[in-house]
Amino acid sequence: MIEEYFLALDKKDANAAQYYISKVALLDGLTTNMLNKELFNEDVILPLSGDNIGVKSRLSNLKSAKLIDIKLIDDSNTKIKIFDVTMDMKYIDEGIYSSGDQFWNCYMVYESPQTGWKIFEFGH
């Protein structure tokens, strides 16, 4: 899932990338960090995409996303797994986001037998 997510980001395929994100994270994104003039966010901002609230063109700030390494660091819970992920991200506007090698923890959740494992969030 993590590898496929980065392939979708690198191809700038927001619809494919969205498939790998958990439903809880997608729904949370509908109302997180909203502009005051909006009822809900029309586009969910994908993790590590470099997009900001109010951006109408998803993945518009991303030049490339290359996955370097993935290591499982915690699978003690049957519904949550944590991976250490290293990636090389390149952004057009580096005002908020920095290009280059980045190191994040990827939190994966098991949603259901039909959907399997999905990305919940990237954090430290």
PDB file of N, CA and C in Angstrom:
ATOM      1  N   MET A   1       0.817  -1.201   0.000  1.00  0.00           N
ATOM      2  CA  MET A   1       0.000   0.000   0.000  1.00  0.00           C
ATOM      3  C   MET A   1       0.855   1.257   0.000  1.00  0.00           C
ATOM      4  N   ILE A   2       1.889   1.269   0.816  1.00  0.00           N
ATOM      5  CA  ILE A   2       2.737   2.462   0.892  1.00  0.00           C
ATOM      6  C   ILE A   2       3.449   2.683  -0.443  1.00  0.00           C
ATOM      7  N   GLU A   3       3.985   1.617  -1.014  1.00  0.00           N
ATOM      8  CA  GLU A   3       4.665   1.736  -2.310  1.00  0.00           C
ATOM      9  C   GLU A   3       3.708   2.242  -3.384  1.00  0.00           C
ATOM     10  N   GLU A   4       2.513   1.691  -3.422  1.00  0.00           N
ATOM     11  CA  GLU A   4       1.520   2.094  -4.415  1.00  0.00           C
ATOM     12  C   GLU A   4       1.107   3.553  -4.229  1.00  0.00           C
ATOM     13  N   TYR A   5       1.021   3.981  -2.977  1.00  0.00           N
ATOM     14  CA  TYR A   5       0.674   5.374  -2.697  1.00  0.00           C
ATOM     15  C   TYR A   5       1.712   6.314  -3.310  1.00  0.00           C
ATOM     16  N   PHE A   6       2.987   6.006  -3.110  1.00  0.00           N
ATOM     17  CA  PHE A   6       4.035   6.873  -3.648  1.00  0.00           C
ATOM     18  C   PHE A   6       4.101   6.817  -5.171  1.00  0.00           C
ATOM     19  N   LEU A   7       3.809   5.676  -5.751  1.00  0.00           N
ATOM     20  CA  LEU A   7       3.742   5.601  -7.213  1.00  0.00           C
ATOM     21  C   LEU A   7       2.629   6.500  -7.747  1.00  0.00           C
ATOM     22  N   ALA A   8       1.474   6.462  -7.072  1.00  0.00           N
ATOM     23  CA  ALA A   8       0.350   7.311  -7.487  1.00  0.00           C
ATOM     24  C   ALA A   8       0.692   8.787  -7.324  1.00  0.00           C
ATOM     25  N   LEU A   9       1.343   9.161  -6.209  1.00  0.00           N
ATOM     26  CA  LEU A   9       1.754  10.551  -6.027  1.00  0.00           C
ATOM     27  C   LEU A   9       2.710  10.974  -7.131  1.00  0.00           C
ATOM     28  N   ASP A  10       3.698  10.125  -7.424  1.00  0.00           N
ATOM     29  CA  ASP A  10       4.698  10.478  -8.427  1.00  0.00           C
ATOM     30  C   ASP A  10       4.070  10.642  -9.813  1.00  0.00           C
ATOM     31  N   LYS A  11       3.021   9.875 -10.096  1.00  0.00           N
ATOM     32  CA  LYS A  11       2.312   9.992 -11.377  1.00  0.00           C
ATOM     33  C   LYS A  11       1.287  11.124 -11.359  1.00  0.00           C
ATOM     34  N   LYS A  12       1.155  11.764 -10.208  1.00  0.00           N
ATOM     35  CA  LYS A  12       0.166  12.831  -9.993  1.00  0.00           C
ATOM     36  C   LYS A  12      -1.263  12.343 -10.221  1.00  0.00           C
ATOM     37  N   ASP A  13      -1.501  11.124  -9.793  1.00  0.00           N
ATOM     38  CA  ASP A  13      -2.823  10.510  -9.914  1.00  0.00           C
ATOM     39  C   ASP A  13      -3.516  10.563  -8.551  1.00  0.00           C
ATOM     40  N   ALA A  14      -4.190  11.686  -8.286  1.00  0.00           N
ATOM     41  CA  ALA A  14      -4.829  11.913  -6.993  1.00  0.00           C
ATOM     42  C   ALA A  14      -5.913  10.886  -6.700  1.00  0.00           C
ATOM     43  N   ASN A  15      -6.658  10.472  -7.709  1.00  0.00           N
ATOM     44  CA  ASN A  15      -7.716   9.486  -7.485  1.00  0.00           C
ATOM     45  C   ASN A  15      -7.139   8.151  -7.043  1.00  0.00           C
ATOM     46  N   ALA A  16      -6.048   7.714  -7.666  1.00  0.00           N
ATOM     47  CA  ALA A  16      -5.407   6.460  -7.261  1.00  0.00           C
ATOM     48  C   ALA A  16      -4.809   6.608  -5.869  1.00  0.00           C
ATOM     49  N   ALA A  17      -4.148   7.729  -5.582  1.00  0.00           N
ATOM     50  CA  ALA A  17      -3.523   7.945  -4.274  1.00  0.00           C
ATOM     51  C   ALA A  17      -4.576   7.929  -3.165  1.00  0.00           C
ATOM     52  N   GLN A  18      -5.712   8.511  -3.432  1.00  0.00           N
ATOM     53  CA  GLN A  18      -6.795   8.572  -2.449  1.00  0.00           C
ATOM     54  C   GLN A  18      -7.279   7.181  -2.053  1.00  0.00           C
ATOM     55  N   TYR A  19      -7.190   6.221  -2.959  1.00  0.00           N
ATOM     56  CA  TYR A  19      -7.622   4.849  -2.687  1.00  0.00           C
ATOM     57  C   TYR A  19      -6.853   4.224  -1.523  1.00  0.00           C
ATOM     58  N   TYR A  20      -5.600   4.625  -1.321  1.00  0.00           N
ATOM     59  CA  TYR A  20      -4.741   4.012  -0.301  1.00  0.00           C
ATOM     60  C   TYR A  20      -4.872   4.671   1.067  1.00  0.00           C
ATOM     61  N   ILE A  21      -5.695   5.697   1.179  1.00  0.00           N
ATOM     62  CA  ILE A  21      -5.899   6.410   2.435  1.00  0.00           C
ATOM     63  C   ILE A  21      -7.147   5.858   3.132  1.00  0.00           C
ATOM     64  N   SER A  22      -7.068   5.698   4.456  1.00  0.00           N
ATOM     65  CA  SER A  22      -8.195   5.146   5.202  1.00  0.00           C
ATOM     66  C   SER A  22      -9.413   6.058   5.106  1.00  0.00           C
ATOM     67  N   LYS A  23     -10.575   5.463   5.226  1.00  0.00           N
ATOM     68  CA  LYS A  23     -11.819   6.234   5.176  1.00  0.00           C
ATOM     69  C   LYS A  23     -11.886   7.253   6.304  1.00  0.00           C
ATOM     70  N   VAL A  24     -11.411   6.870   7.481  1.00  0.00           N
ATOM     71  CA  VAL A  24     -11.422   7.797   8.622  1.00  0.00           C
ATOM     72  C   VAL A  24     -10.581   9.023   8.307  1.00  0.00           C
ATOM     73  N   ALA A  25      -9.397   8.836   7.737  1.00  0.00           N
ATOM     74  CA  ALA A  25      -8.530   9.965   7.391  1.00  0.00           C
ATOM     75  C   ALA A  25      -9.159  10.822   6.295  1.00  0.00           C
ATOM     76  N   LEU A  26      -9.772  10.204   5.309  1.00  0.00           N
ATOM     77  CA  LEU A  26     -10.431  10.959   4.236  1.00  0.00           C
ATOM     78  C   LEU A  26     -11.583  11.792   4.773  1.00  0.00           C
ATOM     79  N   LEU A  27     -12.398  11.199   5.633  1.00  0.00           N
ATOM     80  CA  LEU A  27     -13.533  11.933   6.198  1.00  0.00           C
ATOM     81  C   LEU A  27     -13.075  13.060   7.115  1.00  0.00           C
ATOM     82  N   ASP A  28     -12.007  12.814   7.878  1.00  0.00           N
ATOM     83  CA  ASP A  28     -11.467  13.857   8.748  1.00  0.00           C
ATOM     84  C   ASP A  28     -10.983  15.037   7.922  1.00  0.00           C
ATOM     85  N   GLY A  29     -10.433  14.758   6.752  1.00  0.00           N
ATOM     86  CA  GLY A  29      -9.933  15.816   5.885  1.00  0.00           C
ATOM     87  C   GLY A  29     -11.016  16.709   5.314  1.00  0.00           C
ATOM     88  N   LEU A  30     -12.261  16.263   5.363  1.00  0.00           N
ATOM     89  CA  LEU A  30     -13.348  17.091   4.829  1.00  0.00           C
ATOM     90  C   LEU A  30     -13.586  18.348   5.659  1.00  0.00           C
ATOM     91  N   THR A  31     -13.224  18.300   6.953  1.00  0.00           N
ATOM     92  CA  THR A  31     -13.494  19.445   7.819  1.00  0.00           C
ATOM     93  C   THR A  31     -12.251  19.966   8.531  1.00  0.00           C
ATOM     94  N   THR A  32     -11.085  19.388   8.297  1.00  0.00           N
ATOM     95  CA  THR A  32      -9.858  19.819   8.971  1.00  0.00           C
ATOM     96  C   THR A  32      -9.271  21.047   8.287  1.00  0.00           C
ATOM     97  N   ASN A  33      -8.859  22.019   9.093  1.00  0.00           N
ATOM     98  CA  ASN A  33      -8.192  23.226   8.595  1.00  0.00           C
ATOM     99  C   ASN A  33      -8.961  23.896   7.454  1.00  0.00           C
ATOM    100  N   MET A  34     -10.246  24.026   7.650  1.00  0.00           N
ATOM    101  CA  MET A  34     -11.087  24.614   6.603  1.00  0.00           C
ATOM    102  C   MET A  34     -10.926  26.122   6.522  1.00  0.00           C
ATOM    103  N   LEU A  35     -11.129  26.636   5.325  1.00  0.00           N
ATOM    104  CA  LEU A  35     -11.259  28.073   5.164  1.00  0.00           C
ATOM    105  C   LEU A  35     -12.580  28.494   5.806  1.00  0.00           C
ATOM    106  N   ASN A  36     -12.613  29.658   6.406  1.00  0.00           N
ATOM    107  CA  ASN A  36     -13.821  30.111   7.109  1.00  0.00           C
ATOM    108  C   ASN A  36     -15.023  30.280   6.189  1.00  0.00           C
ATOM    109  N   LYS A  37     -14.790  30.527   4.929  1.00  0.00           N
ATOM    110  CA  LYS A  37     -15.898  30.773   4.004  1.00  0.00           C
ATOM    111  C   LYS A  37     -16.488  29.484   3.431  1.00  0.00           C
ATOM    112  N   GLU A  38     -15.934  28.340   3.769  1.00  0.00           N
ATOM    113  CA  GLU A  38     -16.376  27.062   3.211  1.00  0.00           C
ATOM    114  C   GLU A  38     -17.176  26.244   4.227  1.00  0.00           C
ATOM    115  N   LEU A  39     -18.090  25.442   3.732  1.00  0.00           N
ATOM    116  CA  LEU A  39     -18.841  24.527   4.580  1.00  0.00           C
ATOM    117  C   LEU A  39     -18.034  23.251   4.827  1.00  0.00           C
ATOM    118  N   PHE A  40     -17.296  22.822   3.801  1.00  0.00           N
ATOM    119  CA  PHE A  40     -16.407  21.660   3.909  1.00  0.00           C
ATOM    120  C   PHE A  40     -15.339  21.798   2.832  1.00  0.00           C
ATOM    121  N   ASN A  41     -14.255  21.084   2.991  1.00  0.00           N
ATOM    122  CA  ASN A  41     -13.186  21.090   1.994  1.00  0.00           C
ATOM    123  C   ASN A  41     -13.634  20.260   0.796  1.00  0.00           C
ATOM    124  N   GLU A  42     -13.623  20.864  -0.379  1.00  0.00           N
ATOM    125  CA  GLU A  42     -14.059  20.141  -1.574  1.00  0.00           C
ATOM    126  C   GLU A  42     -13.084  19.038  -1.957  1.00  0.00           C
ATOM    127  N   ASP A  43     -11.796  19.280  -1.771  1.00  0.00           N
ATOM    128  CA  ASP A  43     -10.783  18.274  -2.065  1.00  0.00           C
ATOM    129  C   ASP A  43     -10.051  17.913  -0.791  1.00  0.00           C
ATOM    130  N   VAL A  44      -9.891  16.636  -0.571  1.00  0.00           N
ATOM    131  CA  VAL A  44      -9.110  16.168   0.559  1.00  0.00           C
ATOM    132  C   VAL A  44      -7.640  16.320   0.192  1.00  0.00           C
ATOM    133  N   ILE A  45      -6.869  16.879   1.093  1.00  0.00           N
ATOM    134  CA  ILE A  45      -5.443  17.034   0.847  1.00  0.00           C
ATOM    135  C   ILE A  45      -4.753  15.724   1.210  1.00  0.00           C
ATOM    136  N   LEU A  46      -4.063  15.170   0.248  1.00  0.00           N
ATOM    137  CA  LEU A  46      -3.392  13.890   0.433  1.00  0.00           C
ATOM    138  C   LEU A  46      -2.115  14.068   1.243  1.00  0.00           C
ATOM    139  N   PRO A  47      -1.818  13.143   2.161  1.00  0.00           N
ATOM    140  CA  PRO A  47      -0.599  13.249   2.963  1.00  0.00           C
ATOM    141  C   PRO A  47       0.654  13.366   2.103  1.00  0.00           C
ATOM    142  N   LEU A  48       1.527  14.279   2.494  1.00  0.00           N
ATOM    143  CA  LEU A  48       2.824  14.530   1.854  1.00  0.00           C
ATOM    144  C   LEU A  48       2.716  15.074   0.440  1.00  0.00           C
ATOM    145  N   SER A  49       1.528  15.485   0.011  1.00  0.00           N
ATOM    146  CA  SER A  49       1.338  15.959  -1.361  1.00  0.00           C
ATOM    147  C   SER A  49       1.874  17.364  -1.586  1.00  0.00           C
ATOM    148  N   GLY A  50       2.056  18.112  -0.509  1.00  0.00           N
ATOM    149  CA  GLY A  50       2.534  19.485  -0.656  1.00  0.00           C
ATOM    150  C   GLY A  50       1.440  20.482  -0.944  1.00  0.00           C
ATOM    151  N   ASP A  51       0.190  20.036  -0.959  1.00  0.00           N
ATOM    152  CA  ASP A  51      -0.925  20.937  -1.219  1.00  0.00           C
ATOM    153  C   ASP A  51      -1.364  21.615   0.073  1.00  0.00           C
ATOM    154  N   ASN A  52      -1.974  22.762  -0.058  1.00  0.00           N
ATOM    155  CA  ASN A  52      -2.482  23.526   1.076  1.00  0.00           C
ATOM    156  C   ASN A  52      -3.997  23.604   1.018  1.00  0.00           C
ATOM    157  N   ILE A  53      -4.593  23.950   2.150  1.00  0.00           N
ATOM    158  CA  ILE A  53      -6.036  24.180   2.206  1.00  0.00           C
ATOM    159  C   ILE A  53      -6.385  25.276   1.206  1.00  0.00           C
ATOM    160  N   GLY A  54      -7.445  25.076   0.460  1.00  0.00           N
ATOM    161  CA  GLY A  54      -7.884  26.062  -0.515  1.00  0.00           C
ATOM    162  C   GLY A  54      -7.340  25.819  -1.907  1.00  0.00           C
ATOM    163  N   VAL A  55      -6.412  24.884  -2.057  1.00  0.00           N
ATOM    164  CA  VAL A  55      -5.863  24.564  -3.375  1.00  0.00           C
ATOM    165  C   VAL A  55      -6.917  23.790  -4.147  1.00  0.00           C
ATOM    166  N   LYS A  56      -7.260  24.251  -5.331  1.00  0.00           N
ATOM    167  CA  LYS A  56      -8.293  23.580  -6.120  1.00  0.00           C
ATOM    168  C   LYS A  56      -7.715  22.532  -7.070  1.00  0.00           C
ATOM    169  N   SER A  57      -6.435  22.574  -7.319  1.00  0.00           N
ATOM    170  CA  SER A  57      -5.794  21.600  -8.202  1.00  0.00           C
ATOM    171  C   SER A  57      -4.916  20.685  -7.366  1.00  0.00           C
ATOM    172  N   ARG A  58      -5.389  19.486  -7.106  1.00  0.00           N
ATOM    173  CA  ARG A  58      -4.645  18.569  -6.250  1.00  0.00           C
ATOM    174  C   ARG A  58      -3.320  18.167  -6.884  1.00  0.00           C
ATOM    175  N   LEU A  59      -2.331  18.023  -6.041  1.00  0.00           N
ATOM    176  CA  LEU A  59      -0.967  17.640  -6.408  1.00  0.00           C
ATOM    177  C   LEU A  59      -0.281  18.694  -7.275  1.00  0.00           C
ATOM    178  N   SER A  60      -0.780  19.914  -7.252  1.00  0.00           N
ATOM    179  CA  SER A  60      -0.202  20.969  -8.083  1.00  0.00           C
ATOM    180  C   SER A  60       1.155  21.449  -7.578  1.00  0.00           C
ATOM    181  N   ASN A  61       1.482  21.210  -6.318  1.00  0.00           N
ATOM    182  CA  ASN A  61       2.760  21.657  -5.764  1.00  0.00           C
ATOM    183  C   ASN A  61       3.815  20.552  -5.775  1.00  0.00           C
ATOM    184  N   LEU A  62       3.454  19.365  -6.184  1.00  0.00           N
ATOM    185  CA  LEU A  62       4.367  18.220  -6.137  1.00  0.00           C
ATOM    186  C   LEU A  62       5.090  18.037  -7.468  1.00  0.00           C
ATOM    187  N   LYS A  63       6.425  18.011  -7.422  1.00  0.00           N
ATOM    188  CA  LYS A  63       7.212  17.692  -8.614  1.00  0.00           C
ATOM    189  C   LYS A  63       7.382  16.182  -8.741  1.00  0.00           C
ATOM    190  N   SER A  64       7.821  15.547  -7.637  1.00  0.00           N
ATOM    191  CA  SER A  64       8.033  14.097  -7.664  1.00  0.00           C
ATOM    192  C   SER A  64       8.005  13.526  -6.251  1.00  0.00           C
ATOM    193  N   ALA A  65       7.711  12.234  -6.179  1.00  0.00           N
ATOM    194  CA  ALA A  65       7.676  11.510  -4.909  1.00  0.00           C
ATOM    195  C   ALA A  65       8.308  10.142  -5.134  1.00  0.00           C
ATOM    196  N   LYS A  66       9.464   9.937  -4.544  1.00  0.00           N
ATOM    197  CA  LYS A  66      10.182   8.667  -4.720  1.00  0.00           C
ATOM    198  C   LYS A  66      10.359   7.996  -3.366  1.00  0.00           C
ATOM    199  N   LEU A  67       9.854   6.795  -3.246  1.00  0.00           N
ATOM    200  CA  LEU A  67      10.017   6.005  -2.035  1.00  0.00           C
ATOM    201  C   LEU A  67      11.416   5.405  -2.020  1.00  0.00           C
ATOM    202  N   ILE A  68      12.122   5.561  -0.900  1.00  0.00           N
ATOM    203  CA  ILE A  68      13.483   5.040  -0.775  1.00  0.00           C
ATOM    204  C   ILE A  68      13.507   3.756   0.049  1.00  0.00           C
ATOM    205  N   ASP A  69      12.828   3.760   1.217  1.00  0.00           N
ATOM    206  CA  ASP A  69      12.905   2.601   2.115  1.00  0.00           C
ATOM    207  C   ASP A  69      11.679   2.543   3.016  1.00  0.00           C
ATOM    208  N   ILE A  70      11.291   1.324   3.366  1.00  0.00           N
ATOM    209  CA  ILE A  70      10.196   1.079   4.310  1.00  0.00           C
ATOM    210  C   ILE A  70      10.664   0.020   5.298  1.00  0.00           C
ATOM    211  N   LYS A  71      10.472   0.292   6.598  1.00  0.00           N
ATOM    212  CA  LYS A  71      10.812  -0.685   7.638  1.00  0.00           C
ATOM    213  C   LYS A  71       9.665  -0.757   8.631  1.00  0.00           C
ATOM    214  N   LEU A  72       9.191  -1.960   8.903  1.00  0.00           N
ATOM    215  CA  LEU A  72       8.167  -2.162   9.927  1.00  0.00           C
ATOM    216  C   LEU A  72       8.810  -1.932  11.291  1.00  0.00           C
ATOM    217  N   ILE A  73       8.229  -1.037  12.086  1.00  0.00           N
ATOM    218  CA  ILE A  73       8.800  -0.775  13.410  1.00  0.00           C
ATOM    219  C   ILE A  73       7.871  -1.175  14.555  1.00  0.00           C
ATOM    220  N   ASP A  74       6.576  -1.377  14.280  1.00  0.00           N
ATOM    221  CA  ASP A  74       5.662  -1.804  15.348  1.00  0.00           C
ATOM    222  C   ASP A  74       4.452  -2.489  14.736  1.00  0.00           C
ATOM    223  N   ASP A  75       4.266  -3.754  15.086  1.00  0.00           N
ATOM    224  CA  ASP A  75       3.065  -4.487  14.671  1.00  0.00           C
ATOM    225  C   ASP A  75       2.457  -5.226  15.857  1.00  0.00           C
ATOM    226  N   SER A  76       2.599  -4.617  17.045  1.00  0.00           N
ATOM    227  CA  SER A  76       2.091  -5.248  18.264  1.00  0.00           C
ATOM    228  C   SER A  76       0.569  -5.210  18.359  1.00  0.00           C
ATOM    229  N   ASN A  77      -0.080  -4.341  17.614  1.00  0.00           N
ATOM    230  CA  ASN A  77      -1.531  -4.237  17.591  1.00  0.00           C
ATOM    231  C   ASN A  77      -2.038  -4.895  16.307  1.00  0.00           C
ATOM    232  N   THR A  78      -3.089  -5.702  16.395  1.00  0.00           N
ATOM    233  CA  THR A  78      -3.588  -6.407  15.207  1.00  0.00           C
ATOM    234  C   THR A  78      -4.285  -5.483  14.206  1.00  0.00           C
ATOM    235  N   LYS A  79      -4.645  -4.266  14.618  1.00  0.00           N
ATOM    236  CA  LYS A  79      -5.356  -3.332  13.731  1.00  0.00           C
ATOM    237  C   LYS A  79      -4.506  -2.142  13.296  1.00  0.00           C
ATOM    238  N   ILE A  80      -3.300  -2.002  13.855  1.00  0.00           N
ATOM    239  CA  ILE A  80      -2.428  -0.873  13.536  1.00  0.00           C
ATOM    240  C   ILE A  80      -1.005  -1.372  13.326  1.00  0.00           C
ATOM    241  N   LYS A  81      -0.363  -0.881  12.274  1.00  0.00           N
ATOM    242  CA  LYS A  81       1.055  -1.155  12.039  1.00  0.00           C
ATOM    243  C   LYS A  81       1.741   0.181  11.782  1.00  0.00           C
ATOM    244  N   ILE A  82       2.964   0.290  12.265  1.00  0.00           N
ATOM    245  CA  ILE A  82       3.729   1.522  12.068  1.00  0.00           C
ATOM    246  C   ILE A  82       4.998   1.181  11.303  1.00  0.00           C
ATOM    247  N   PHE A  83       5.234   1.948  10.239  1.00  0.00           N
ATOM    248  CA  PHE A  83       6.399   1.763   9.395  1.00  0.00           C
ATOM    249  C   PHE A  83       7.252   3.026   9.423  1.00  0.00           C
ATOM    250  N   ASP A  84       8.560   2.845   9.413  1.00  0.00           N
ATOM    251  CA  ASP A  84       9.491   3.949   9.217  1.00  0.00           C
ATOM    252  C   ASP A  84       9.691   4.071   7.708  1.00  0.00           C
ATOM    253  N   VAL A  85       9.384   5.234   7.153  1.00  0.00           N
ATOM    254  CA  VAL A  85       9.417   5.421   5.703  1.00  0.00           C
ATOM    255  C   VAL A  85      10.398   6.546   5.352  1.00  0.00           C
ATOM    256  N   THR A  86      11.262   6.264   4.394  1.00  0.00           N
ATOM    257  CA  THR A  86      12.192   7.263   3.873  1.00  0.00           C
ATOM    258  C   THR A  86      11.813   7.527   2.423  1.00  0.00           C
ATOM    259  N   MET A  87      11.719   8.804   2.076  1.00  0.00           N
ATOM    260  CA  MET A  87      11.324   9.160   0.727  1.00  0.00           C
ATOM    261  C   MET A  87      12.082  10.395   0.264  1.00  0.00           C
ATOM    262  N   ASP A  88      12.112  10.606  -1.036  1.00  0.00           N
ATOM    263  CA  ASP A  88      12.683  11.812  -1.626  1.00  0.00           C
ATOM    264  C   ASP A  88      11.526  12.574  -2.255  1.00  0.00           C
ATOM    265  N   MET A  89      11.187  13.704  -1.660  1.00  0.00           N
ATOM    266  CA  MET A  89      10.071  14.511  -2.133  1.00  0.00           C
ATOM    267  C   MET A  89      10.605  15.794  -2.756  1.00  0.00           C
ATOM    268  N   LYS A  90      10.014  16.181  -3.881  1.00  0.00           N
ATOM    269  CA  LYS A  90      10.374  17.429  -4.555  1.00  0.00           C
ATOM    270  C   LYS A  90       9.101  18.256  -4.719  1.00  0.00           C
ATOM    271  N   TYR A  91       9.161  19.510  -4.252  1.00  0.00           N
ATOM    272  CA  TYR A  91       8.024  20.408  -4.327  1.00  0.00           C
ATOM    273  C   TYR A  91       8.370  21.629  -5.176  1.00  0.00           C
ATOM    274  N   ILE A  92       7.360  22.203  -5.808  1.00  0.00           N
ATOM    275  CA  ILE A  92       7.540  23.411  -6.606  1.00  0.00           C
ATOM    276  C   ILE A  92       7.733  24.609  -5.685  1.00  0.00           C
ATOM    277  N   ASP A  93       6.801  24.806  -4.759  1.00  0.00           N
ATOM    278  CA  ASP A  93       6.873  25.905  -3.795  1.00  0.00           C
ATOM    279  C   ASP A  93       7.336  25.332  -2.465  1.00  0.00           C
ATOM    280  N   GLU A  94       8.516  25.738  -2.050  1.00  0.00           N
ATOM    281  CA  GLU A  94       9.068  25.223  -0.802  1.00  0.00           C
ATOM    282  C   GLU A  94       8.825  26.176   0.363  1.00  0.00           C
ATOM    283  N   GLY A  95       7.830  27.027   0.259  1.00  0.00           N
ATOM    284  CA  GLY A  95       7.515  27.951   1.336  1.00  0.00           C
ATOM    285  C   GLY A  95       7.140  27.231   2.623  1.00  0.00           C
ATOM    286  N   ILE A  96       6.396  26.157   2.503  1.00  0.00           N
ATOM    287  CA  ILE A  96       5.957  25.380   3.667  1.00  0.00           C
ATOM    288  C   ILE A  96       6.631  24.015   3.679  1.00  0.00           C
ATOM    289  N   TYR A  97       6.795  23.424   2.529  1.00  0.00           N
ATOM    290  CA  TYR A  97       7.326  22.068   2.402  1.00  0.00           C
ATOM    291  C   TYR A  97       8.767  22.114   1.902  1.00  0.00           C
ATOM    292  N   SER A  98       9.604  21.237   2.421  1.00  0.00           N
ATOM    293  CA  SER A  98      11.004  21.174   2.008  1.00  0.00           C
ATOM    294  C   SER A  98      11.229  19.992   1.091  1.00  0.00           C
ATOM    295  N   SER A  99      11.935  20.222   0.002  1.00  0.00           N
ATOM    296  CA  SER A  99      12.296  19.147  -0.911  1.00  0.00           C
ATOM    297  C   SER A  99      13.492  18.384  -0.353  1.00  0.00           C
ATOM    298  N   GLY A 100      13.626  17.137  -0.803  1.00  0.00           N
ATOM    299  CA  GLY A 100      14.768  16.320  -0.410  1.00  0.00           C
ATOM    300  C   GLY A 100      14.336  15.085   0.362  1.00  0.00           C
ATOM    301  N   ASP A 101      15.312  14.400   0.930  1.00  0.00           N
ATOM    302  CA  ASP A 101      15.030  13.191   1.703  1.00  0.00           C
ATOM    303  C   ASP A 101      14.242  13.547   2.957  1.00  0.00           C
ATOM    304  N   GLN A 102      13.216  12.742   3.222  1.00  0.00           N
ATOM    305  CA  GLN A 102      12.381  12.941   4.400  1.00  0.00           C
ATOM    306  C   GLN A 102      12.177  11.601   5.087  1.00  0.00           C
ATOM    307  N   PHE A 103      11.965  11.674   6.392  1.00  0.00           N
ATOM    308  CA  PHE A 103      11.785  10.476   7.205  1.00  0.00           C
ATOM    309  C   PHE A 103      10.504  10.650   8.014  1.00  0.00           C
ATOM    310  N   TRP A 104       9.542   9.765   7.799  1.00  0.00           N
ATOM    311  CA  TRP A 104       8.251   9.834   8.474  1.00  0.00           C
ATOM    312  C   TRP A 104       7.861   8.450   8.972  1.00  0.00           C
ATOM    313  N   ASN A 105       7.002   8.424   9.985  1.00  0.00           N
ATOM    314  CA  ASN A 105       6.350   7.176  10.377  1.00  0.00           C
ATOM    315  C   ASN A 105       5.025   7.122   9.638  1.00  0.00           C
ATOM    316  N   CYS A 106       4.736   5.973   9.055  1.00  0.00           N
ATOM    317  CA  CYS A 106       3.459   5.769   8.376  1.00  0.00           C
ATOM    318  C   CYS A 106       2.610   4.859   9.246  1.00  0.00           C
ATOM    319  N   TYR A 107       1.465   5.349   9.657  1.00  0.00           N
ATOM    320  CA  TYR A 107       0.532   4.597  10.478  1.00  0.00           C
ATOM    321  C   TYR A 107      -0.511   3.962   9.564  1.00  0.00           C
ATOM    322  N   MET A 108      -0.555   2.648   9.577  1.00  0.00           N
ATOM    323  CA  MET A 108      -1.499   1.894   8.756  1.00  0.00           C
ATOM    324  C   MET A 108      -2.578   1.308   9.662  1.00  0.00           C
ATOM    325  N   VAL A 109      -3.816   1.294   9.186  1.00  0.00           N
ATOM    326  CA  VAL A 109      -4.924   0.701   9.938  1.00  0.00           C
ATOM    327  C   VAL A 109      -5.594  -0.366   9.088  1.00  0.00           C
ATOM    328  N   TYR A 110      -6.060  -1.403   9.769  1.00  0.00           N
ATOM    329  CA  TYR A 110      -6.816  -2.451   9.087  1.00  0.00           C
ATOM    330  C   TYR A 110      -8.276  -2.057   9.152  1.00  0.00           C
ATOM    331  N   GLU A 111      -8.860  -1.755   7.987  1.00  0.00           N
ATOM    332  CA  GLU A 111     -10.251  -1.287   7.957  1.00  0.00           C
ATOM    333  C   GLU A 111     -11.255  -2.424   7.994  1.00  0.00           C
ATOM    334  N   SER A 112     -11.122  -3.352   7.065  1.00  0.00           N
ATOM    335  CA  SER A 112     -12.087  -4.453   6.964  1.00  0.00           C
ATOM    336  C   SER A 112     -11.509  -5.531   6.052  1.00  0.00           C
ATOM    337  N   PRO A 113     -12.119  -6.718   6.043  1.00  0.00           N
ATOM    338  CA  PRO A 113     -11.643  -7.749   5.124  1.00  0.00           C
ATOM    339  C   PRO A 113     -11.783  -7.338   3.652  1.00  0.00           C
ATOM    340  N   GLN A 114     -12.745  -6.475   3.350  1.00  0.00           N
ATOM    341  CA  GLN A 114     -12.958  -6.033   1.974  1.00  0.00           C
ATOM    342  C   GLN A 114     -11.902  -5.013   1.525  1.00  0.00           C
ATOM    343  N   THR A 115     -11.512  -4.110   2.426  1.00  0.00           N
ATOM    344  CA  THR A 115     -10.585  -3.049   2.041  1.00  0.00           C
ATOM    345  C   THR A 115      -9.154  -3.292   2.509  1.00  0.00           C
ATOM    346  N   GLY A 116      -8.979  -4.101   3.537  1.00  0.00           N
ATOM    347  CA  GLY A 116      -7.636  -4.417   4.030  1.00  0.00           C
ATOM    348  C   GLY A 116      -6.964  -3.248   4.721  1.00  0.00           C
ATOM    349  N   TRP A 117      -5.633  -3.166   4.566  1.00  0.00           N
ATOM    350  CA  TRP A 117      -4.822  -2.138   5.210  1.00  0.00           C
ATOM    351  C   TRP A 117      -4.836  -0.845   4.398  1.00  0.00           C
ATOM    352  N   LYS A 118      -4.940   0.279   5.132  1.00  0.00           N
ATOM    353  CA  LYS A 118      -4.930   1.606   4.502  1.00  0.00           C
ATOM    354  C   LYS A 118      -4.022   2.537   5.306  1.00  0.00           C
ATOM    355  N   ILE A 119      -3.554   3.577   4.667  1.00  0.00           N
ATOM    356  CA  ILE A 119      -2.728   4.583   5.325  1.00  0.00           C
ATOM    357  C   ILE A 119      -3.636   5.497   6.151  1.00  0.00           C
ATOM    358  N   PHE A 120      -3.322   5.614   7.433  1.00  0.00           N
ATOM    359  CA  PHE A 120      -4.078   6.519   8.293  1.00  0.00           C
ATOM    360  C   PHE A 120      -3.422   7.899   8.324  1.00  0.00           C
ATOM    361  N   GLU A 121      -2.089   7.920   8.522  1.00  0.00           N
ATOM    362  CA  GLU A 121      -1.387   9.198   8.530  1.00  0.00           C
ATOM    363  C   GLU A 121       0.113   8.991   8.490  1.00  0.00           C
ATOM    364  N   PHE A 122       0.803  10.079   8.177  1.00  0.00           N
ATOM    365  CA  PHE A 122       2.252  10.134   8.287  1.00  0.00           C
ATOM    366  C   PHE A 122       2.568  11.108   9.404  1.00  0.00           C
ATOM    367  N   GLY A 123       3.447  10.727  10.315  1.00  0.00           N
ATOM    368  CA  GLY A 123       3.789  11.600  11.434  1.00  0.00           C
ATOM    369  C   GLY A 123       5.163  11.247  11.996  1.00  0.00           C
ATOM    370  N   HIS A 124       5.524  11.946  13.068  1.00  0.00           N
ATOM    371  CA  HIS A 124       6.812  11.703  13.715  1.00  0.00           C
ATOM    372  C   HIS A 124       6.588  11.184  15.112  1.00  0.00           C
TER     373      HIS A 124
END
